[in-house]
Amino acid sequence: KPLERCQLKNWKDYLEFEVAQGDAKRISVLFERCLIACALYEDFWLRYLRYLEEKVTDNTEIIRDVYERACTIHHKKKPSLHLHWAVYEEMQGNYDKAAILPRKATGEVSAEELEGLLGV
């Protein structure tokens, strides 16, 4: 069910506060908690991914896990998230995966084909 504006603002403010404090473990735990309540809000997924890309070293598998949860569970048909994931994979040199991800959002690719590329 959609959250009220004040709830979304509270999550946003809380995340901003924790990021400003700089404790990486607390920040990651809070983002994960937030994504339980705010899973339907693309902005929170993207905010977490930006944080991981900018602040966390040795983060490739963590980022892929977050993209996978966002795109295969909560936002299966959101092309923008799939495009972000495709750009990330392209930057990592995974061109085959990058090519197929946007097609998955539009239903042009089978789940089996995507699972093969993801190694699931």
N, C-alpha and C. Protein backbone atom coordinates (compact mmCIF):
# COMPACT_ATOMS: atom_id res chain seq x y z
N LYS A 1 0.86 -1.18 0.00
CA LYS A 1 0.00 0.00 0.00
C LYS A 1 0.90 1.23 0.00
N PRO A 2 0.49 2.26 -0.71
CA PRO A 2 1.30 3.48 -0.77
C PRO A 2 1.44 4.14 0.60
N LEU A 3 2.61 4.72 0.82
CA LEU A 3 2.86 5.44 2.07
C LEU A 3 2.39 6.88 1.94
N GLU A 4 2.11 7.48 3.07
CA GLU A 4 1.73 8.89 3.08
C GLU A 4 2.98 9.74 2.88
N ARG A 5 2.76 10.96 2.40
CA ARG A 5 3.89 11.87 2.14
C ARG A 5 4.76 12.07 3.37
N CYS A 6 4.13 12.21 4.52
CA CYS A 6 4.92 12.45 5.74
C CYS A 6 5.80 11.25 6.07
N GLN A 7 5.32 10.03 5.78
CA GLN A 7 6.14 8.84 6.01
C GLN A 7 7.34 8.81 5.07
N LEU A 8 7.11 9.15 3.81
CA LEU A 8 8.20 9.20 2.85
C LEU A 8 9.23 10.25 3.24
N LYS A 9 8.73 11.40 3.69
CA LYS A 9 9.64 12.47 4.12
C LYS A 9 10.45 12.03 5.33
N ASN A 10 9.81 11.34 6.27
CA ASN A 10 10.53 10.85 7.45
C ASN A 10 11.67 9.90 7.05
N TRP A 11 11.40 8.99 6.13
CA TRP A 11 12.44 8.08 5.67
C TRP A 11 13.57 8.86 4.99
N LYS A 12 13.20 9.80 4.15
CA LYS A 12 14.20 10.60 3.44
C LYS A 12 15.07 11.37 4.43
N ASP A 13 14.44 12.02 5.39
CA ASP A 13 15.19 12.79 6.38
C ASP A 13 16.09 11.90 7.24
N TYR A 14 15.57 10.75 7.63
CA TYR A 14 16.34 9.82 8.46
C TYR A 14 17.56 9.32 7.69
N LEU A 15 17.36 8.97 6.42
CA LEU A 15 18.48 8.52 5.59
C LEU A 15 19.53 9.62 5.44
N GLU A 16 19.07 10.84 5.18
CA GLU A 16 20.01 11.96 5.04
C GLU A 16 20.80 12.17 6.33
N PHE A 17 20.13 12.06 7.46
CA PHE A 17 20.79 12.22 8.75
C PHE A 17 21.88 11.16 8.93
N GLU A 18 21.53 9.90 8.69
CA GLU A 18 22.50 8.82 8.89
C GLU A 18 23.67 8.93 7.92
N VAL A 19 23.40 9.29 6.67
CA VAL A 19 24.48 9.45 5.70
C VAL A 19 25.42 10.56 6.16
N ALA A 20 24.86 11.64 6.68
CA ALA A 20 25.69 12.74 7.19
C ALA A 20 26.55 12.30 8.37
N GLN A 21 26.05 11.35 9.18
CA GLN A 21 26.82 10.85 10.32
C GLN A 21 28.00 10.00 9.87
N GLY A 22 27.83 9.29 8.74
CA GLY A 22 28.94 8.58 8.12
C GLY A 22 29.24 7.17 8.60
N ASP A 23 28.40 6.57 9.43
CA ASP A 23 28.63 5.20 9.89
C ASP A 23 28.08 4.23 8.83
N ALA A 24 28.98 3.64 8.04
CA ALA A 24 28.59 2.83 6.89
C ALA A 24 27.66 1.67 7.27
N LYS A 25 27.94 1.01 8.37
CA LYS A 25 27.10 -0.12 8.78
C LYS A 25 25.68 0.34 9.11
N ARG A 26 25.57 1.42 9.89
CA ARG A 26 24.24 1.95 10.24
C ARG A 26 23.49 2.40 8.98
N ILE A 27 24.21 3.01 8.06
CA ILE A 27 23.59 3.50 6.83
C ILE A 27 23.03 2.33 6.02
N SER A 28 23.83 1.29 5.84
CA SER A 28 23.36 0.13 5.07
C SER A 28 22.17 -0.54 5.73
N VAL A 29 22.22 -0.70 7.04
CA VAL A 29 21.09 -1.31 7.76
C VAL A 29 19.84 -0.46 7.60
N LEU A 30 20.00 0.85 7.70
CA LEU A 30 18.84 1.73 7.56
C LEU A 30 18.27 1.68 6.15
N PHE A 31 19.13 1.68 5.13
CA PHE A 31 18.62 1.56 3.76
C PHE A 31 17.85 0.25 3.59
N GLU A 32 18.37 -0.83 4.12
CA GLU A 32 17.66 -2.11 3.99
C GLU A 32 16.32 -2.06 4.72
N ARG A 33 16.27 -1.46 5.89
CA ARG A 33 14.99 -1.29 6.60
C ARG A 33 14.04 -0.43 5.78
N CYS A 34 14.57 0.65 5.24
CA CYS A 34 13.75 1.56 4.45
C CYS A 34 13.14 0.84 3.24
N LEU A 35 13.93 0.01 2.60
CA LEU A 35 13.44 -0.67 1.39
C LEU A 35 12.35 -1.69 1.69
N ILE A 36 12.22 -2.10 2.92
CA ILE A 36 11.09 -2.96 3.29
C ILE A 36 9.81 -2.14 3.23
N ALA A 37 9.84 -0.97 3.83
CA ALA A 37 8.65 -0.11 3.86
C ALA A 37 8.42 0.62 2.54
N CYS A 38 9.50 0.95 1.85
CA CYS A 38 9.42 1.82 0.67
C CYS A 38 9.79 1.08 -0.62
N ALA A 39 9.57 -0.22 -0.66
CA ALA A 39 9.98 -1.03 -1.81
C ALA A 39 9.35 -0.58 -3.12
N LEU A 40 8.19 0.02 -3.04
CA LEU A 40 7.49 0.43 -4.27
C LEU A 40 7.95 1.79 -4.80
N TYR A 41 8.89 2.41 -4.10
CA TYR A 41 9.34 3.75 -4.48
C TYR A 41 10.75 3.67 -5.07
N GLU A 42 10.79 3.82 -6.37
CA GLU A 42 12.03 3.71 -7.14
C GLU A 42 13.13 4.63 -6.61
N ASP A 43 12.75 5.80 -6.15
CA ASP A 43 13.72 6.78 -5.69
C ASP A 43 14.58 6.25 -4.55
N PHE A 44 14.00 5.48 -3.64
CA PHE A 44 14.77 4.94 -2.51
C PHE A 44 15.77 3.88 -2.97
N TRP A 45 15.39 3.08 -3.96
CA TRP A 45 16.33 2.10 -4.52
C TRP A 45 17.51 2.84 -5.16
N LEU A 46 17.19 3.86 -5.96
CA LEU A 46 18.25 4.59 -6.64
C LEU A 46 19.15 5.34 -5.65
N ARG A 47 18.57 5.86 -4.60
CA ARG A 47 19.35 6.56 -3.57
C ARG A 47 20.34 5.58 -2.91
N TYR A 48 19.87 4.38 -2.60
CA TYR A 48 20.74 3.37 -2.00
C TYR A 48 21.86 2.98 -2.97
N LEU A 49 21.50 2.77 -4.21
CA LEU A 49 22.50 2.40 -5.21
C LEU A 49 23.54 3.49 -5.40
N ARG A 50 23.12 4.74 -5.43
CA ARG A 50 24.07 5.86 -5.53
C ARG A 50 25.01 5.86 -4.33
N TYR A 51 24.44 5.67 -3.16
CA TYR A 51 25.27 5.63 -1.95
C TYR A 51 26.31 4.51 -2.06
N LEU A 52 25.88 3.32 -2.45
CA LEU A 52 26.80 2.19 -2.56
C LEU A 52 27.90 2.46 -3.58
N GLU A 53 27.53 3.04 -4.71
CA GLU A 53 28.52 3.32 -5.76
C GLU A 53 29.53 4.37 -5.31
N GLU A 54 29.08 5.36 -4.56
CA GLU A 54 29.95 6.46 -4.17
C GLU A 54 30.76 6.18 -2.91
N LYS A 55 30.21 5.47 -1.96
CA LYS A 55 30.81 5.40 -0.63
C LYS A 55 31.36 4.04 -0.21
N VAL A 56 30.92 2.97 -0.83
CA VAL A 56 31.29 1.64 -0.35
C VAL A 56 32.30 1.02 -1.31
N THR A 57 33.45 0.60 -0.78
CA THR A 57 34.44 -0.07 -1.61
C THR A 57 34.11 -1.56 -1.69
N ASP A 58 34.62 -2.20 -2.73
CA ASP A 58 34.36 -3.63 -2.95
C ASP A 58 32.86 -3.91 -2.88
N ASN A 59 32.12 -3.20 -3.71
CA ASN A 59 30.67 -3.19 -3.61
C ASN A 59 29.94 -3.86 -4.77
N THR A 60 30.65 -4.43 -5.71
CA THR A 60 30.02 -4.94 -6.94
C THR A 60 28.91 -5.94 -6.65
N GLU A 61 29.17 -6.91 -5.82
CA GLU A 61 28.15 -7.93 -5.55
C GLU A 61 26.98 -7.35 -4.76
N ILE A 62 27.25 -6.43 -3.86
CA ILE A 62 26.17 -5.79 -3.10
C ILE A 62 25.28 -5.01 -4.06
N ILE A 63 25.89 -4.25 -4.95
CA ILE A 63 25.11 -3.45 -5.91
C ILE A 63 24.29 -4.35 -6.80
N ARG A 64 24.88 -5.41 -7.29
CA ARG A 64 24.12 -6.33 -8.15
C ARG A 64 22.95 -6.94 -7.40
N ASP A 65 23.15 -7.27 -6.13
CA ASP A 65 22.06 -7.82 -5.32
C ASP A 65 20.92 -6.81 -5.18
N VAL A 66 21.25 -5.56 -4.94
CA VAL A 66 20.22 -4.53 -4.80
C VAL A 66 19.48 -4.34 -6.12
N TYR A 67 20.22 -4.26 -7.23
CA TYR A 67 19.56 -4.14 -8.53
C TYR A 67 18.66 -5.34 -8.80
N GLU A 68 19.16 -6.52 -8.50
CA GLU A 68 18.36 -7.71 -8.77
C GLU A 68 17.06 -7.71 -7.97
N ARG A 69 17.14 -7.36 -6.69
CA ARG A 69 15.92 -7.28 -5.88
C ARG A 69 14.97 -6.22 -6.42
N ALA A 70 15.51 -5.08 -6.77
CA ALA A 70 14.67 -3.99 -7.27
C ALA A 70 13.98 -4.38 -8.57
N CYS A 71 14.75 -4.96 -9.49
CA CYS A 71 14.24 -5.20 -10.84
C CYS A 71 13.52 -6.52 -11.03
N THR A 72 13.77 -7.51 -10.20
CA THR A 72 13.12 -8.80 -10.41
C THR A 72 12.01 -9.08 -9.41
N ILE A 73 11.94 -8.28 -8.35
CA ILE A 73 10.88 -8.49 -7.36
C ILE A 73 9.91 -7.32 -7.32
N HIS A 74 10.42 -6.12 -7.14
CA HIS A 74 9.56 -4.98 -6.86
C HIS A 74 9.22 -4.10 -8.07
N HIS A 75 10.11 -4.03 -9.03
CA HIS A 75 9.90 -3.13 -10.18
C HIS A 75 10.19 -3.86 -11.48
N LYS A 76 9.49 -4.94 -11.70
CA LYS A 76 9.74 -5.78 -12.87
C LYS A 76 9.55 -5.04 -14.19
N LYS A 77 8.65 -4.11 -14.23
CA LYS A 77 8.30 -3.42 -15.48
C LYS A 77 8.71 -1.95 -15.49
N LYS A 78 9.68 -1.58 -14.66
CA LYS A 78 10.15 -0.18 -14.62
C LYS A 78 11.40 -0.06 -15.48
N PRO A 79 11.26 0.44 -16.70
CA PRO A 79 12.43 0.53 -17.59
C PRO A 79 13.57 1.36 -17.02
N SER A 80 13.27 2.40 -16.27
CA SER A 80 14.36 3.27 -15.80
C SER A 80 15.31 2.53 -14.86
N LEU A 81 14.79 1.72 -13.95
CA LEU A 81 15.66 0.95 -13.06
C LEU A 81 16.48 -0.08 -13.85
N HIS A 82 15.85 -0.72 -14.81
CA HIS A 82 16.56 -1.69 -15.64
C HIS A 82 17.66 -1.00 -16.45
N LEU A 83 17.38 0.21 -16.92
CA LEU A 83 18.40 0.96 -17.66
C LEU A 83 19.57 1.34 -16.76
N HIS A 84 19.28 1.75 -15.54
CA HIS A 84 20.36 2.05 -14.59
C HIS A 84 21.23 0.80 -14.37
N TRP A 85 20.57 -0.33 -14.21
CA TRP A 85 21.30 -1.58 -14.00
C TRP A 85 22.15 -1.91 -15.23
N ALA A 86 21.56 -1.72 -16.42
CA ALA A 86 22.29 -1.99 -17.66
C ALA A 86 23.54 -1.11 -17.77
N VAL A 87 23.40 0.16 -17.42
CA VAL A 87 24.56 1.07 -17.46
C VAL A 87 25.62 0.59 -16.47
N TYR A 88 25.20 0.19 -15.29
CA TYR A 88 26.15 -0.31 -14.29
C TYR A 88 26.89 -1.53 -14.83
N GLU A 89 26.15 -2.48 -15.40
CA GLU A 89 26.79 -3.69 -15.92
C GLU A 89 27.73 -3.36 -17.07
N GLU A 90 27.34 -2.41 -17.89
CA GLU A 90 28.21 -1.99 -18.98
C GLU A 90 29.52 -1.42 -18.43
N MET A 91 29.43 -0.62 -17.38
CA MET A 91 30.63 -0.05 -16.76
C MET A 91 31.51 -1.15 -16.15
N GLN A 92 30.90 -2.28 -15.77
CA GLN A 92 31.65 -3.40 -15.22
C GLN A 92 32.19 -4.33 -16.31
N GLY A 93 31.86 -4.03 -17.58
CA GLY A 93 32.33 -4.85 -18.69
C GLY A 93 31.44 -6.04 -19.00
N ASN A 94 30.26 -6.11 -18.41
CA ASN A 94 29.31 -7.21 -18.66
C ASN A 94 28.33 -6.78 -19.75
N TYR A 95 28.82 -6.78 -20.99
CA TYR A 95 28.03 -6.24 -22.10
C TYR A 95 26.83 -7.10 -22.45
N ASP A 96 26.95 -8.42 -22.34
CA ASP A 96 25.81 -9.29 -22.64
C ASP A 96 24.66 -9.04 -21.68
N LYS A 97 24.97 -8.96 -20.40
CA LYS A 97 23.94 -8.69 -19.40
C LYS A 97 23.36 -7.29 -19.60
N ALA A 98 24.22 -6.32 -19.89
CA ALA A 98 23.77 -4.95 -20.10
C ALA A 98 22.80 -4.86 -21.27
N ALA A 99 23.03 -5.65 -22.30
CA ALA A 99 22.17 -5.61 -23.49
C ALA A 99 20.79 -6.19 -23.23
N ILE A 100 20.71 -7.16 -22.36
CA ILE A 100 19.43 -7.85 -22.16
C ILE A 100 18.54 -7.20 -21.10
N LEU A 101 19.12 -6.48 -20.16
CA LEU A 101 18.33 -5.94 -19.04
C LEU A 101 17.21 -5.00 -19.46
N PRO A 102 17.43 -4.04 -20.36
CA PRO A 102 16.31 -3.17 -20.74
C PRO A 102 15.19 -3.94 -21.44
N ARG A 103 15.54 -4.98 -22.19
CA ARG A 103 14.52 -5.79 -22.85
C ARG A 103 13.68 -6.56 -21.84
N LYS A 104 14.27 -6.90 -20.70
CA LYS A 104 13.52 -7.61 -19.66
C LYS A 104 12.38 -6.75 -19.13
N ALA A 105 12.62 -5.46 -18.99
CA ALA A 105 11.59 -4.56 -18.46
C ALA A 105 10.40 -4.45 -19.39
N THR A 106 10.63 -4.63 -20.68
CA THR A 106 9.54 -4.51 -21.63
C THR A 106 8.96 -5.87 -22.01
N GLY A 107 9.44 -6.92 -21.37
CA GLY A 107 8.90 -8.26 -21.61
C GLY A 107 9.42 -8.92 -22.86
N GLU A 108 10.48 -8.39 -23.45
CA GLU A 108 11.02 -8.96 -24.69
C GLU A 108 11.98 -10.12 -24.44
N VAL A 109 12.22 -10.43 -23.19
CA VAL A 109 13.19 -11.47 -22.84
C VAL A 109 12.52 -12.42 -21.86
N SER A 110 12.79 -13.69 -22.01
CA SER A 110 12.18 -14.65 -21.10
C SER A 110 12.91 -14.66 -19.76
N ALA A 111 12.22 -15.10 -18.74
CA ALA A 111 12.82 -15.19 -17.41
C ALA A 111 13.99 -16.17 -17.43
N GLU A 112 13.87 -17.24 -18.21
CA GLU A 112 14.94 -18.24 -18.28
C GLU A 112 16.19 -17.64 -18.91
N GLU A 113 16.00 -16.83 -19.95
CA GLU A 113 17.14 -16.19 -20.61
C GLU A 113 17.86 -15.26 -19.64
N LEU A 114 17.10 -14.48 -18.89
CA LEU A 114 17.70 -13.56 -17.92
C LEU A 114 18.38 -14.34 -16.80
N GLU A 115 17.74 -15.39 -16.31
CA GLU A 115 18.34 -16.19 -15.24
C GLU A 115 19.67 -16.78 -15.68
N GLY A 116 19.75 -17.18 -16.95
CA GLY A 116 21.01 -17.71 -17.48
C GLY A 116 22.12 -16.68 -17.42
N LEU A 117 21.80 -15.45 -17.77
CA LEU A 117 22.80 -14.39 -17.72
C LEU A 117 23.16 -14.01 -16.29
N LEU A 118 22.18 -14.07 -15.39
CA LEU A 118 22.44 -13.70 -14.01
C LEU A 118 23.13 -14.82 -13.24
N GLY A 119 23.13 -16.01 -13.83
CA GLY A 119 23.76 -17.13 -13.15
C GLY A 119 22.94 -17.67 -12.00
N VAL A 120 21.62 -17.52 -12.11
CA VAL A 120 20.72 -17.98 -11.03
C VAL A 120 20.35 -19.42 -11.25
